[in-house]
């Protein structure tokens, strides 16, 4: 019974994480995150003339790396990064899987995975899931797109290819990048994030 109540407590804690809404300012703007090249990066440093895209990612989730029936969204990271660069928008990946830090999402495995996949963008270590908690990030991947003032203008999924019942492909993030680059309104500006849950560390049970 004690374990049941503890599970319900953790579930309510996760559901009650601060959830960023459109027009909210990015939290922890000057919080330093360690990059795979051993430098540190803050959101304030990463933002470009027309904004910043933050993608919560990892090394192991099938929605990121792919599976037999899904190509994996990281296959789009390079083209998304180049589209962001062309529109003077910063682009970073953040690994918040603290619960797998001694496994597939260790810092050394992040370096290895980034090299194997040819990541050109910063790939940052979110120690103790601090940034993910501040954002209310749920999944890998989970996208947050901020304008030049670090105000949220899009959040959610990269596209709708996960939806087998879709009538057409909707490249949400590509469309948002183009819209921002052309000074147009982003539609839709929020979609449901899809992917594996971010592996946060559970608090120890207290007797």
N, C-alpha and C. Protein backbone atom coordinates (compact mmCIF):
# COMPACT_ATOMS: atom_id res chain seq x y z
N UNK A 1 0.83 -1.20 0.00
CA UNK A 1 0.00 0.00 0.00
C UNK A 1 0.87 1.26 0.00
N UNK A 2 1.96 1.20 0.79
CA UNK A 2 2.88 2.35 0.86
C UNK A 2 3.45 2.65 -0.52
N UNK A 3 3.82 1.58 -1.25
CA UNK A 3 4.39 1.76 -2.59
C UNK A 3 3.36 2.33 -3.55
N UNK A 4 2.11 1.93 -3.37
CA UNK A 4 1.03 2.44 -4.23
C UNK A 4 0.86 3.94 -4.04
N UNK A 5 0.84 4.38 -2.76
CA UNK A 5 0.69 5.81 -2.49
C UNK A 5 1.90 6.59 -3.00
N UNK A 6 3.10 5.99 -2.89
CA UNK A 6 4.29 6.66 -3.38
C UNK A 6 4.25 6.82 -4.89
N UNK A 7 3.78 5.78 -5.59
CA UNK A 7 3.64 5.86 -7.05
C UNK A 7 2.66 6.96 -7.43
N UNK A 8 1.54 7.04 -6.73
CA UNK A 8 0.55 8.08 -7.02
C UNK A 8 1.13 9.47 -6.75
N UNK A 9 1.96 9.56 -5.70
CA UNK A 9 2.61 10.84 -5.40
C UNK A 9 3.55 11.26 -6.52
N UNK A 10 4.35 10.29 -7.00
CA UNK A 10 5.27 10.60 -8.10
C UNK A 10 4.51 10.99 -9.35
N UNK A 11 3.41 10.28 -9.62
CA UNK A 11 2.61 10.59 -10.80
C UNK A 11 2.04 11.99 -10.71
N UNK A 12 1.53 12.36 -9.55
CA UNK A 12 0.97 13.71 -9.39
C UNK A 12 2.07 14.75 -9.48
N UNK A 13 3.27 14.42 -8.96
CA UNK A 13 4.39 15.35 -9.03
C UNK A 13 4.77 15.62 -10.47
N UNK A 14 4.82 14.54 -11.30
CA UNK A 14 5.17 14.68 -12.71
C UNK A 14 4.11 15.52 -13.43
N UNK A 15 2.84 15.21 -13.15
CA UNK A 15 1.75 15.92 -13.82
C UNK A 15 1.69 17.39 -13.43
N UNK A 16 2.24 17.70 -12.24
CA UNK A 16 2.19 19.07 -11.74
C UNK A 16 3.46 19.86 -12.03
N UNK A 17 4.37 19.29 -12.83
CA UNK A 17 5.53 20.05 -13.25
C UNK A 17 5.09 21.29 -13.99
N UNK A 18 5.85 22.36 -13.82
CA UNK A 18 5.51 23.61 -14.53
C UNK A 18 5.43 23.34 -16.02
N UNK A 19 4.32 23.69 -16.63
CA UNK A 19 4.14 23.49 -18.05
C UNK A 19 4.20 24.84 -18.76
N UNK A 20 5.20 25.02 -19.61
CA UNK A 20 5.30 26.27 -20.35
C UNK A 20 4.15 26.40 -21.33
N UNK A 21 3.59 27.58 -21.41
CA UNK A 21 2.53 27.87 -22.36
C UNK A 21 3.04 28.89 -23.38
N UNK A 22 2.38 28.95 -24.52
CA UNK A 22 2.75 29.93 -25.53
C UNK A 22 2.74 31.33 -24.91
N UNK A 23 3.76 32.09 -25.22
CA UNK A 23 4.02 33.45 -24.72
C UNK A 23 4.72 33.47 -23.36
N UNK A 24 4.99 32.28 -22.78
CA UNK A 24 5.79 32.24 -21.55
C UNK A 24 7.26 32.48 -21.88
N UNK A 25 7.98 33.04 -20.94
CA UNK A 25 9.42 33.22 -21.10
C UNK A 25 10.15 31.94 -20.71
N UNK A 26 11.24 31.67 -21.37
CA UNK A 26 12.04 30.49 -21.05
C UNK A 26 12.61 30.62 -19.64
N UNK A 27 12.49 29.58 -18.83
CA UNK A 27 13.11 29.61 -17.50
C UNK A 27 14.60 29.27 -17.60
N UNK A 28 15.33 29.51 -16.53
CA UNK A 28 16.75 29.13 -16.43
C UNK A 28 17.57 29.60 -17.64
N UNK A 29 17.36 30.83 -18.04
CA UNK A 29 18.00 31.33 -19.25
C UNK A 29 19.52 31.40 -19.14
N UNK A 30 20.03 31.55 -17.93
CA UNK A 30 21.48 31.63 -17.75
C UNK A 30 22.05 30.42 -17.04
N UNK A 31 21.28 29.34 -17.04
CA UNK A 31 21.73 28.08 -16.45
C UNK A 31 22.67 27.37 -17.41
N UNK A 32 23.87 27.03 -16.95
CA UNK A 32 24.88 26.42 -17.82
C UNK A 32 24.65 24.92 -17.96
N UNK A 33 24.71 24.46 -19.21
CA UNK A 33 24.59 23.04 -19.53
C UNK A 33 25.87 22.61 -20.23
N UNK A 34 26.37 21.44 -19.85
CA UNK A 34 27.62 20.94 -20.41
C UNK A 34 27.40 20.34 -21.80
N UNK A 35 28.16 20.83 -22.78
CA UNK A 35 28.09 20.33 -24.14
C UNK A 35 29.05 19.14 -24.30
N UNK A 36 28.82 18.34 -25.34
CA UNK A 36 29.67 17.17 -25.56
C UNK A 36 31.11 17.54 -25.91
N UNK A 37 31.35 18.81 -26.27
CA UNK A 37 32.73 19.24 -26.54
C UNK A 37 33.40 19.79 -25.28
N UNK A 38 32.74 19.58 -24.11
CA UNK A 38 33.25 19.97 -22.80
C UNK A 38 33.11 21.46 -22.49
N UNK A 39 32.54 22.25 -23.43
CA UNK A 39 32.22 23.63 -23.12
C UNK A 39 30.86 23.67 -22.43
N UNK A 40 30.45 24.85 -21.99
CA UNK A 40 29.12 25.01 -21.41
C UNK A 40 28.32 26.01 -22.25
N UNK A 41 27.00 25.82 -22.27
CA UNK A 41 26.11 26.64 -23.07
C UNK A 41 24.90 27.03 -22.23
N UNK A 42 24.45 28.27 -22.34
CA UNK A 42 23.21 28.71 -21.73
C UNK A 42 22.21 29.05 -22.83
N UNK A 43 20.95 29.14 -22.48
CA UNK A 43 19.94 29.52 -23.47
C UNK A 43 20.23 30.91 -24.01
N UNK A 44 20.69 31.80 -23.14
CA UNK A 44 21.01 33.16 -23.56
C UNK A 44 22.13 33.17 -24.60
N UNK A 45 23.09 32.27 -24.45
CA UNK A 45 24.18 32.17 -25.42
C UNK A 45 23.73 31.49 -26.71
N UNK A 46 22.79 30.57 -26.62
CA UNK A 46 22.37 29.77 -27.77
C UNK A 46 21.37 30.48 -28.68
N UNK A 47 20.63 31.44 -28.14
CA UNK A 47 19.61 32.11 -28.95
C UNK A 47 20.26 32.92 -30.07
N UNK A 48 19.66 32.90 -31.24
CA UNK A 48 20.17 33.65 -32.38
C UNK A 48 19.25 34.83 -32.68
N UNK A 49 19.49 35.51 -33.78
CA UNK A 49 18.75 36.73 -34.13
C UNK A 49 17.25 36.52 -34.15
N UNK A 50 16.79 35.36 -34.62
CA UNK A 50 15.36 35.11 -34.74
C UNK A 50 14.82 34.04 -33.79
N UNK A 51 15.63 33.64 -32.82
CA UNK A 51 15.08 32.74 -31.82
C UNK A 51 15.96 31.55 -31.50
N UNK A 52 15.35 30.57 -30.83
CA UNK A 52 16.06 29.38 -30.36
C UNK A 52 15.10 28.19 -30.31
N UNK A 53 15.56 27.06 -30.85
CA UNK A 53 14.82 25.81 -30.76
C UNK A 53 15.55 24.88 -29.79
N UNK A 54 14.81 24.40 -28.79
CA UNK A 54 15.33 23.45 -27.82
C UNK A 54 14.60 22.14 -28.03
N UNK A 55 15.35 21.06 -28.31
CA UNK A 55 14.75 19.74 -28.49
C UNK A 55 15.26 18.82 -27.39
N UNK A 56 14.37 18.35 -26.54
CA UNK A 56 14.75 17.35 -25.55
C UNK A 56 14.86 16.02 -26.27
N UNK A 57 16.04 15.41 -26.19
CA UNK A 57 16.33 14.22 -26.96
C UNK A 57 17.08 13.21 -26.09
N UNK A 58 17.55 12.12 -26.71
CA UNK A 58 18.30 11.11 -25.97
C UNK A 58 18.99 10.17 -26.96
N UNK A 59 19.63 9.13 -26.44
CA UNK A 59 20.36 8.18 -27.28
C UNK A 59 19.60 6.89 -27.54
N UNK A 60 18.47 6.70 -26.87
CA UNK A 60 17.91 5.35 -26.83
C UNK A 60 16.44 5.22 -27.20
N UNK A 61 15.68 6.26 -27.15
CA UNK A 61 14.24 6.17 -27.41
C UNK A 61 13.97 5.84 -28.88
N UNK A 62 13.12 4.85 -29.18
CA UNK A 62 12.80 4.51 -30.57
C UNK A 62 12.21 5.67 -31.37
N UNK A 63 11.54 6.59 -30.70
CA UNK A 63 11.00 7.75 -31.41
C UNK A 63 12.12 8.68 -31.88
N UNK A 64 13.27 8.61 -31.20
CA UNK A 64 14.44 9.40 -31.60
C UNK A 64 15.30 8.62 -32.58
N UNK A 65 15.73 7.43 -32.17
CA UNK A 65 16.73 6.67 -32.95
C UNK A 65 16.12 5.77 -34.01
N UNK A 66 14.81 5.53 -33.93
CA UNK A 66 14.13 4.72 -34.93
C UNK A 66 13.88 3.29 -34.48
N UNK A 67 12.99 2.63 -35.20
CA UNK A 67 12.64 1.24 -34.92
C UNK A 67 12.21 0.60 -36.24
N UNK A 68 11.73 -0.62 -36.17
CA UNK A 68 11.32 -1.33 -37.38
C UNK A 68 10.18 -0.63 -38.12
N UNK A 69 9.30 0.04 -37.36
CA UNK A 69 8.14 0.67 -38.00
C UNK A 69 8.13 2.19 -37.90
N UNK A 70 9.26 2.79 -37.45
CA UNK A 70 9.34 4.26 -37.38
C UNK A 70 10.78 4.68 -37.63
N UNK A 71 11.00 5.64 -38.54
CA UNK A 71 12.38 5.99 -38.92
C UNK A 71 13.18 6.68 -37.83
N UNK A 72 12.51 7.30 -36.85
CA UNK A 72 13.23 8.04 -35.81
C UNK A 72 13.41 9.49 -36.20
N UNK A 73 13.06 10.40 -35.30
CA UNK A 73 13.10 11.83 -35.64
C UNK A 73 14.50 12.38 -35.73
N UNK A 74 15.50 11.70 -35.17
CA UNK A 74 16.85 12.27 -35.29
C UNK A 74 17.34 12.27 -36.73
N UNK A 75 16.70 11.51 -37.61
CA UNK A 75 17.06 11.57 -39.02
C UNK A 75 16.77 12.95 -39.61
N UNK A 76 15.95 13.73 -38.92
CA UNK A 76 15.62 15.08 -39.39
C UNK A 76 16.44 16.17 -38.69
N UNK A 77 17.18 15.80 -37.65
CA UNK A 77 17.88 16.82 -36.87
C UNK A 77 18.81 17.68 -37.73
N UNK A 78 19.55 17.06 -38.62
CA UNK A 78 20.51 17.80 -39.43
C UNK A 78 19.80 18.82 -40.34
N UNK A 79 18.74 18.38 -41.01
CA UNK A 79 18.02 19.29 -41.91
C UNK A 79 17.28 20.38 -41.12
N UNK A 80 16.79 20.03 -39.94
CA UNK A 80 16.14 21.04 -39.09
C UNK A 80 17.17 22.08 -38.62
N UNK A 81 18.34 21.59 -38.24
CA UNK A 81 19.40 22.48 -37.79
C UNK A 81 19.82 23.43 -38.92
N UNK A 82 19.95 22.90 -40.13
CA UNK A 82 20.34 23.73 -41.26
C UNK A 82 19.26 24.74 -41.60
N UNK A 83 17.99 24.33 -41.51
CA UNK A 83 16.88 25.25 -41.76
C UNK A 83 16.87 26.36 -40.71
N UNK A 84 17.14 25.98 -39.45
CA UNK A 84 17.20 26.97 -38.39
C UNK A 84 18.34 27.95 -38.62
N UNK A 85 19.52 27.43 -38.98
CA UNK A 85 20.66 28.29 -39.27
C UNK A 85 20.35 29.27 -40.40
N UNK A 86 19.71 28.77 -41.46
CA UNK A 86 19.39 29.61 -42.61
C UNK A 86 18.45 30.75 -42.24
N UNK A 87 17.67 30.55 -41.17
CA UNK A 87 16.73 31.56 -40.72
C UNK A 87 17.19 32.26 -39.44
N UNK A 88 18.49 32.09 -39.14
CA UNK A 88 19.12 32.74 -37.98
C UNK A 88 18.41 32.41 -36.68
N UNK A 89 18.19 31.10 -36.50
CA UNK A 89 17.55 30.57 -35.30
C UNK A 89 18.51 29.57 -34.67
N UNK A 90 18.76 29.69 -33.37
CA UNK A 90 19.60 28.73 -32.67
C UNK A 90 18.91 27.38 -32.56
N UNK A 91 19.71 26.32 -32.39
CA UNK A 91 19.16 24.97 -32.33
C UNK A 91 20.04 24.12 -31.42
N UNK A 92 19.46 23.59 -30.34
CA UNK A 92 20.22 22.75 -29.42
C UNK A 92 19.42 21.50 -29.06
N UNK A 93 20.15 20.43 -28.77
CA UNK A 93 19.57 19.20 -28.24
C UNK A 93 19.93 19.11 -26.76
N UNK A 94 19.00 18.61 -25.96
CA UNK A 94 19.22 18.49 -24.52
C UNK A 94 18.85 17.08 -24.08
N UNK A 95 19.76 16.42 -23.36
CA UNK A 95 19.52 15.08 -22.84
C UNK A 95 19.25 15.18 -21.34
N UNK A 96 18.00 14.90 -20.96
CA UNK A 96 17.57 15.02 -19.56
C UNK A 96 17.31 13.67 -18.91
N UNK A 97 17.72 12.57 -19.56
CA UNK A 97 17.44 11.23 -19.05
C UNK A 97 18.34 10.86 -17.87
N UNK A 98 18.16 11.55 -16.76
CA UNK A 98 19.00 11.32 -15.58
C UNK A 98 18.87 9.89 -15.06
N UNK A 99 17.69 9.30 -15.25
CA UNK A 99 17.46 7.94 -14.79
C UNK A 99 18.24 6.89 -15.56
N UNK A 100 18.82 7.28 -16.71
CA UNK A 100 19.61 6.34 -17.51
C UNK A 100 21.05 6.86 -17.69
N UNK A 101 21.47 7.70 -16.71
CA UNK A 101 22.77 8.34 -16.85
C UNK A 101 23.93 7.36 -16.69
N UNK A 102 23.69 6.22 -16.07
CA UNK A 102 24.73 5.20 -15.96
C UNK A 102 24.56 4.13 -17.02
N UNK A 103 23.69 4.40 -17.99
CA UNK A 103 23.42 3.42 -19.03
C UNK A 103 23.57 4.09 -20.40
N UNK A 104 22.53 4.00 -21.22
CA UNK A 104 22.62 4.48 -22.61
C UNK A 104 22.73 5.99 -22.73
N UNK A 105 22.36 6.72 -21.67
CA UNK A 105 22.40 8.17 -21.76
C UNK A 105 23.46 8.81 -20.87
N UNK A 106 24.55 8.10 -20.69
CA UNK A 106 25.70 8.68 -19.99
C UNK A 106 26.32 9.76 -20.88
N UNK A 107 27.13 10.60 -20.27
CA UNK A 107 27.78 11.67 -21.03
C UNK A 107 28.69 11.10 -22.11
N UNK A 108 29.41 10.03 -21.79
CA UNK A 108 30.29 9.40 -22.78
C UNK A 108 29.48 8.80 -23.93
N UNK A 109 28.33 8.21 -23.62
CA UNK A 109 27.47 7.66 -24.67
C UNK A 109 26.86 8.78 -25.51
N UNK A 110 26.60 9.93 -24.90
CA UNK A 110 26.12 11.09 -25.66
C UNK A 110 27.16 11.51 -26.69
N UNK A 111 28.43 11.57 -26.25
CA UNK A 111 29.52 11.93 -27.17
C UNK A 111 29.59 10.93 -28.34
N UNK A 112 29.53 9.65 -27.99
CA UNK A 112 29.62 8.60 -28.99
C UNK A 112 28.46 8.66 -29.97
N UNK A 113 27.26 8.82 -29.44
CA UNK A 113 26.06 8.85 -30.29
C UNK A 113 26.10 10.05 -31.22
N UNK A 114 26.49 11.20 -30.69
CA UNK A 114 26.56 12.41 -31.51
C UNK A 114 27.56 12.25 -32.64
N UNK A 115 28.69 11.62 -32.36
CA UNK A 115 29.70 11.40 -33.39
C UNK A 115 29.19 10.43 -34.46
N UNK A 116 28.54 9.35 -34.02
CA UNK A 116 28.01 8.36 -34.95
C UNK A 116 26.95 8.96 -35.86
N UNK A 117 26.13 9.85 -35.32
CA UNK A 117 25.03 10.44 -36.08
C UNK A 117 25.43 11.74 -36.79
N UNK A 118 26.63 12.21 -36.54
CA UNK A 118 27.09 13.43 -37.20
C UNK A 118 26.40 14.69 -36.72
N UNK A 119 26.05 14.74 -35.44
CA UNK A 119 25.41 15.95 -34.91
C UNK A 119 26.33 17.15 -35.09
N UNK A 120 25.81 18.21 -35.67
CA UNK A 120 26.57 19.46 -35.80
C UNK A 120 26.15 20.48 -34.74
N UNK A 121 24.98 20.28 -34.17
CA UNK A 121 24.45 21.19 -33.17
C UNK A 121 24.93 20.82 -31.77
N UNK A 122 24.86 21.75 -30.81
CA UNK A 122 25.21 21.40 -29.43
C UNK A 122 24.29 20.29 -28.90
N UNK A 123 24.87 19.37 -28.14
CA UNK A 123 24.13 18.29 -27.50
C UNK A 123 24.47 18.37 -26.02
N UNK A 124 23.51 18.79 -25.22
CA UNK A 124 23.78 19.25 -23.86
C UNK A 124 23.28 18.29 -22.79
N UNK A 125 24.05 18.18 -21.72
CA UNK A 125 23.73 17.33 -20.58
C UNK A 125 22.90 18.14 -19.58
N UNK A 126 21.69 17.66 -19.30
CA UNK A 126 20.81 18.32 -18.33
C UNK A 126 20.87 17.54 -17.03
N UNK A 127 21.82 17.91 -16.18
CA UNK A 127 22.04 17.20 -14.91
C UNK A 127 20.80 17.30 -14.02
N UNK A 128 20.38 16.14 -13.51
CA UNK A 128 19.22 16.02 -12.63
C UNK A 128 17.94 16.54 -13.29
N UNK A 129 17.92 16.56 -14.61
CA UNK A 129 16.72 16.97 -15.38
C UNK A 129 16.23 18.36 -15.01
N UNK A 130 17.15 19.23 -14.62
CA UNK A 130 16.75 20.55 -14.13
C UNK A 130 16.03 21.38 -15.20
N UNK A 131 16.57 21.39 -16.41
CA UNK A 131 15.93 22.18 -17.47
C UNK A 131 14.60 21.54 -17.87
N UNK A 132 14.58 20.23 -17.98
CA UNK A 132 13.35 19.53 -18.35
C UNK A 132 12.25 19.80 -17.33
N UNK A 133 12.61 19.80 -16.05
CA UNK A 133 11.62 20.07 -15.01
C UNK A 133 11.12 21.51 -15.09
N UNK A 134 12.03 22.44 -15.35
CA UNK A 134 11.64 23.85 -15.44
C UNK A 134 10.72 24.11 -16.63
N UNK A 135 10.96 23.38 -17.72
CA UNK A 135 10.13 23.51 -18.92
C UNK A 135 8.82 22.73 -18.81
N UNK A 136 8.85 21.67 -17.98
CA UNK A 136 7.73 20.74 -17.97
C UNK A 136 7.80 19.78 -19.14
N UNK A 137 9.00 19.54 -19.66
CA UNK A 137 9.18 18.66 -20.82
C UNK A 137 8.77 17.24 -20.47
N UNK A 138 8.07 16.58 -21.40
CA UNK A 138 7.51 15.27 -21.13
C UNK A 138 8.23 14.12 -21.84
N UNK A 139 8.63 14.34 -23.08
CA UNK A 139 9.04 13.22 -23.92
C UNK A 139 10.36 13.48 -24.64
N UNK A 140 10.90 12.39 -25.19
CA UNK A 140 12.00 12.51 -26.15
C UNK A 140 11.48 12.00 -27.49
N UNK A 141 11.37 12.91 -28.48
CA UNK A 141 11.68 14.35 -28.38
C UNK A 141 10.49 15.18 -27.87
N UNK A 142 10.79 16.37 -27.38
CA UNK A 142 9.80 17.39 -27.04
C UNK A 142 10.41 18.72 -27.45
N UNK A 143 9.72 19.44 -28.32
CA UNK A 143 10.26 20.66 -28.94
C UNK A 143 9.73 21.92 -28.26
N UNK A 144 10.63 22.86 -28.02
CA UNK A 144 10.27 24.21 -27.55
C UNK A 144 10.97 25.21 -28.46
N UNK A 145 10.19 26.07 -29.09
CA UNK A 145 10.70 27.07 -30.03
C UNK A 145 10.42 28.45 -29.45
N UNK A 146 11.49 29.20 -29.17
CA UNK A 146 11.39 30.52 -28.58
C UNK A 146 11.78 31.59 -29.61
N UNK A 147 11.23 32.78 -29.45
CA UNK A 147 11.63 33.88 -30.33
C UNK A 147 12.92 34.50 -29.81
N UNK A 148 13.31 35.61 -30.40
CA UNK A 148 14.58 36.25 -30.05
C UNK A 148 14.62 36.76 -28.62
N UNK A 149 13.43 36.96 -28.00
CA UNK A 149 13.36 37.39 -26.61
C UNK A 149 13.18 36.22 -25.66
N UNK A 150 13.33 35.01 -26.18
CA UNK A 150 13.14 33.77 -25.44
C UNK A 150 11.73 33.65 -24.89
N UNK A 151 10.78 34.04 -25.73
CA UNK A 151 9.35 33.86 -25.46
C UNK A 151 8.85 32.70 -26.31
N UNK A 152 8.13 31.77 -25.71
CA UNK A 152 7.71 30.56 -26.39
C UNK A 152 6.71 30.86 -27.51
N UNK A 153 7.01 30.36 -28.73
CA UNK A 153 6.13 30.58 -29.87
C UNK A 153 5.64 29.28 -30.51
N UNK A 154 6.27 28.15 -30.16
CA UNK A 154 5.78 26.83 -30.60
C UNK A 154 6.27 25.78 -29.62
N UNK A 155 5.43 24.79 -29.35
CA UNK A 155 5.86 23.66 -28.54
C UNK A 155 5.12 22.40 -28.98
N UNK A 156 5.79 21.26 -28.81
CA UNK A 156 5.14 20.00 -29.12
C UNK A 156 6.01 19.05 -29.90
N UNK A 157 5.45 18.54 -30.99
CA UNK A 157 6.08 17.50 -31.80
C UNK A 157 6.78 18.07 -33.02
N UNK A 158 7.71 17.30 -33.57
CA UNK A 158 8.40 17.71 -34.79
C UNK A 158 7.47 17.65 -35.99
N UNK A 159 6.68 16.59 -36.07
CA UNK A 159 5.70 16.45 -37.15
C UNK A 159 4.66 15.42 -36.72
N UNK A 160 3.80 15.00 -37.63
CA UNK A 160 2.74 14.06 -37.27
C UNK A 160 2.95 12.66 -37.85
N UNK A 161 4.19 12.33 -38.20
CA UNK A 161 4.42 11.04 -38.85
C UNK A 161 4.21 9.85 -37.91
N UNK A 162 4.12 10.10 -36.61
CA UNK A 162 3.81 9.04 -35.66
C UNK A 162 2.36 8.57 -35.80
N UNK A 163 1.50 9.42 -36.35
CA UNK A 163 0.06 9.15 -36.43
C UNK A 163 -0.27 8.34 -37.69
N UNK A 164 -0.53 7.06 -37.53
CA UNK A 164 -0.81 6.20 -38.66
C UNK A 164 -2.15 6.51 -39.33
N UNK A 165 -3.01 7.23 -38.65
CA UNK A 165 -4.31 7.58 -39.22
C UNK A 165 -4.31 8.96 -39.88
N UNK A 166 -3.16 9.61 -39.97
CA UNK A 166 -3.10 10.95 -40.55
C UNK A 166 -3.50 10.92 -42.03
N UNK A 167 -4.11 11.99 -42.49
CA UNK A 167 -4.52 12.10 -43.89
C UNK A 167 -3.42 12.71 -44.74
N UNK A 168 -2.54 13.48 -44.10
CA UNK A 168 -1.40 14.08 -44.79
C UNK A 168 -0.30 14.36 -43.78
N UNK A 169 0.94 14.47 -44.28
CA UNK A 169 2.06 14.79 -43.40
C UNK A 169 2.05 16.27 -43.05
N UNK A 170 2.29 16.57 -41.80
CA UNK A 170 2.35 17.96 -41.34
C UNK A 170 3.69 18.20 -40.64
N UNK A 171 4.64 18.80 -41.32
CA UNK A 171 5.96 19.07 -40.73
C UNK A 171 5.92 20.31 -39.83
N UNK A 172 5.38 20.14 -38.64
CA UNK A 172 5.12 21.27 -37.74
C UNK A 172 6.33 22.17 -37.53
N UNK A 173 7.47 21.56 -37.18
CA UNK A 173 8.62 22.38 -36.83
C UNK A 173 9.23 23.06 -38.05
N UNK A 174 9.32 22.35 -39.17
CA UNK A 174 9.81 22.99 -40.40
C UNK A 174 8.92 24.18 -40.76
N UNK A 175 7.61 23.99 -40.66
CA UNK A 175 6.68 25.08 -40.98
C UNK A 175 6.85 26.25 -40.02
N UNK A 176 7.09 25.95 -38.76
CA UNK A 176 7.28 27.01 -37.77
C UNK A 176 8.55 27.79 -38.05
N UNK A 177 9.62 27.09 -38.45
CA UNK A 177 10.87 27.76 -38.79
C UNK A 177 10.67 28.69 -39.98
N UNK A 178 10.01 28.19 -41.01
CA UNK A 178 9.76 29.01 -42.20
C UNK A 178 8.88 30.22 -41.87
N UNK A 179 7.86 29.98 -41.07
CA UNK A 179 6.97 31.08 -40.69
C UNK A 179 7.72 32.16 -39.92
N UNK A 180 8.54 31.75 -38.97
CA UNK A 180 9.30 32.72 -38.19
C UNK A 180 10.29 33.47 -39.08
N UNK A 181 10.94 32.76 -39.98
CA UNK A 181 11.90 33.39 -40.88
C UNK A 181 11.26 34.39 -41.81
N UNK A 182 9.97 34.17 -42.13
CA UNK A 182 9.22 35.08 -43.01
C UNK A 182 8.33 36.04 -42.26
N UNK A 183 8.52 36.10 -40.93
CA UNK A 183 7.76 37.03 -40.07
C UNK A 183 6.25 36.79 -40.17
N UNK A 184 5.88 35.51 -40.22
CA UNK A 184 4.46 35.16 -40.29
C UNK A 184 4.04 34.42 -39.03
N UNK A 185 2.75 34.31 -38.82
CA UNK A 185 2.21 33.64 -37.64
C UNK A 185 2.41 32.14 -37.76
N UNK A 186 2.77 31.50 -36.65
CA UNK A 186 2.98 30.06 -36.64
C UNK A 186 1.65 29.35 -36.37
N UNK A 187 1.26 28.47 -37.29
CA UNK A 187 0.01 27.70 -37.15
C UNK A 187 0.28 26.25 -37.50
N UNK A 188 -0.06 25.31 -36.58
CA UNK A 188 -0.45 25.52 -35.19
C UNK A 188 0.77 25.90 -34.36
N UNK A 189 0.53 26.55 -33.23
CA UNK A 189 1.66 26.93 -32.38
C UNK A 189 1.86 25.98 -31.20
N UNK A 190 1.01 24.95 -31.11
CA UNK A 190 1.17 23.94 -30.07
C UNK A 190 0.59 22.61 -30.55
N UNK A 191 1.34 21.54 -30.38
CA UNK A 191 0.88 20.20 -30.72
C UNK A 191 1.25 19.27 -29.57
N UNK A 192 0.71 18.06 -29.59
CA UNK A 192 0.99 17.10 -28.53
C UNK A 192 2.36 16.47 -28.75
N UNK A 193 3.25 16.52 -27.76
CA UNK A 193 4.54 15.85 -27.92
C UNK A 193 4.36 14.34 -27.88
N UNK A 194 5.10 13.64 -28.72
CA UNK A 194 5.05 12.18 -28.77
C UNK A 194 6.46 11.62 -28.60
N UNK A 195 6.58 10.52 -27.88
CA UNK A 195 7.87 9.91 -27.69
C UNK A 195 7.93 9.14 -26.39
N UNK A 196 9.13 8.79 -25.97
CA UNK A 196 9.34 8.10 -24.70
C UNK A 196 9.36 9.13 -23.57
N UNK A 197 8.84 8.76 -22.42
CA UNK A 197 8.88 9.66 -21.28
C UNK A 197 10.32 9.94 -20.86
N UNK A 198 10.60 11.18 -20.49
CA UNK A 198 11.93 11.54 -19.99
C UNK A 198 12.18 10.78 -18.69
N UNK A 199 13.34 10.16 -18.57
CA UNK A 199 13.66 9.27 -17.44
C UNK A 199 14.25 10.09 -16.29
N UNK A 200 13.38 10.63 -15.49
CA UNK A 200 13.80 11.37 -14.30
C UNK A 200 14.15 10.42 -13.16
N UNK A 201 14.96 10.89 -12.23
CA UNK A 201 15.32 10.08 -11.06
C UNK A 201 14.22 10.22 -10.02
N UNK A 202 13.74 9.09 -9.54
CA UNK A 202 12.68 9.10 -8.53
C UNK A 202 13.28 9.36 -7.15
N UNK A 203 12.52 10.14 -6.37
CA UNK A 203 12.98 10.43 -5.02
C UNK A 203 12.94 9.16 -4.17
N UNK A 204 13.90 9.00 -3.25
CA UNK A 204 13.91 7.80 -2.41
C UNK A 204 12.71 7.76 -1.47
N UNK A 205 12.25 6.55 -1.16
CA UNK A 205 11.13 6.39 -0.24
C UNK A 205 11.62 6.66 1.19
N UNK A 206 10.90 7.49 1.90
CA UNK A 206 11.25 7.81 3.27
C UNK A 206 10.37 6.98 4.22
N UNK A 207 11.02 6.37 5.19
CA UNK A 207 10.28 5.56 6.18
C UNK A 207 9.64 6.45 7.22
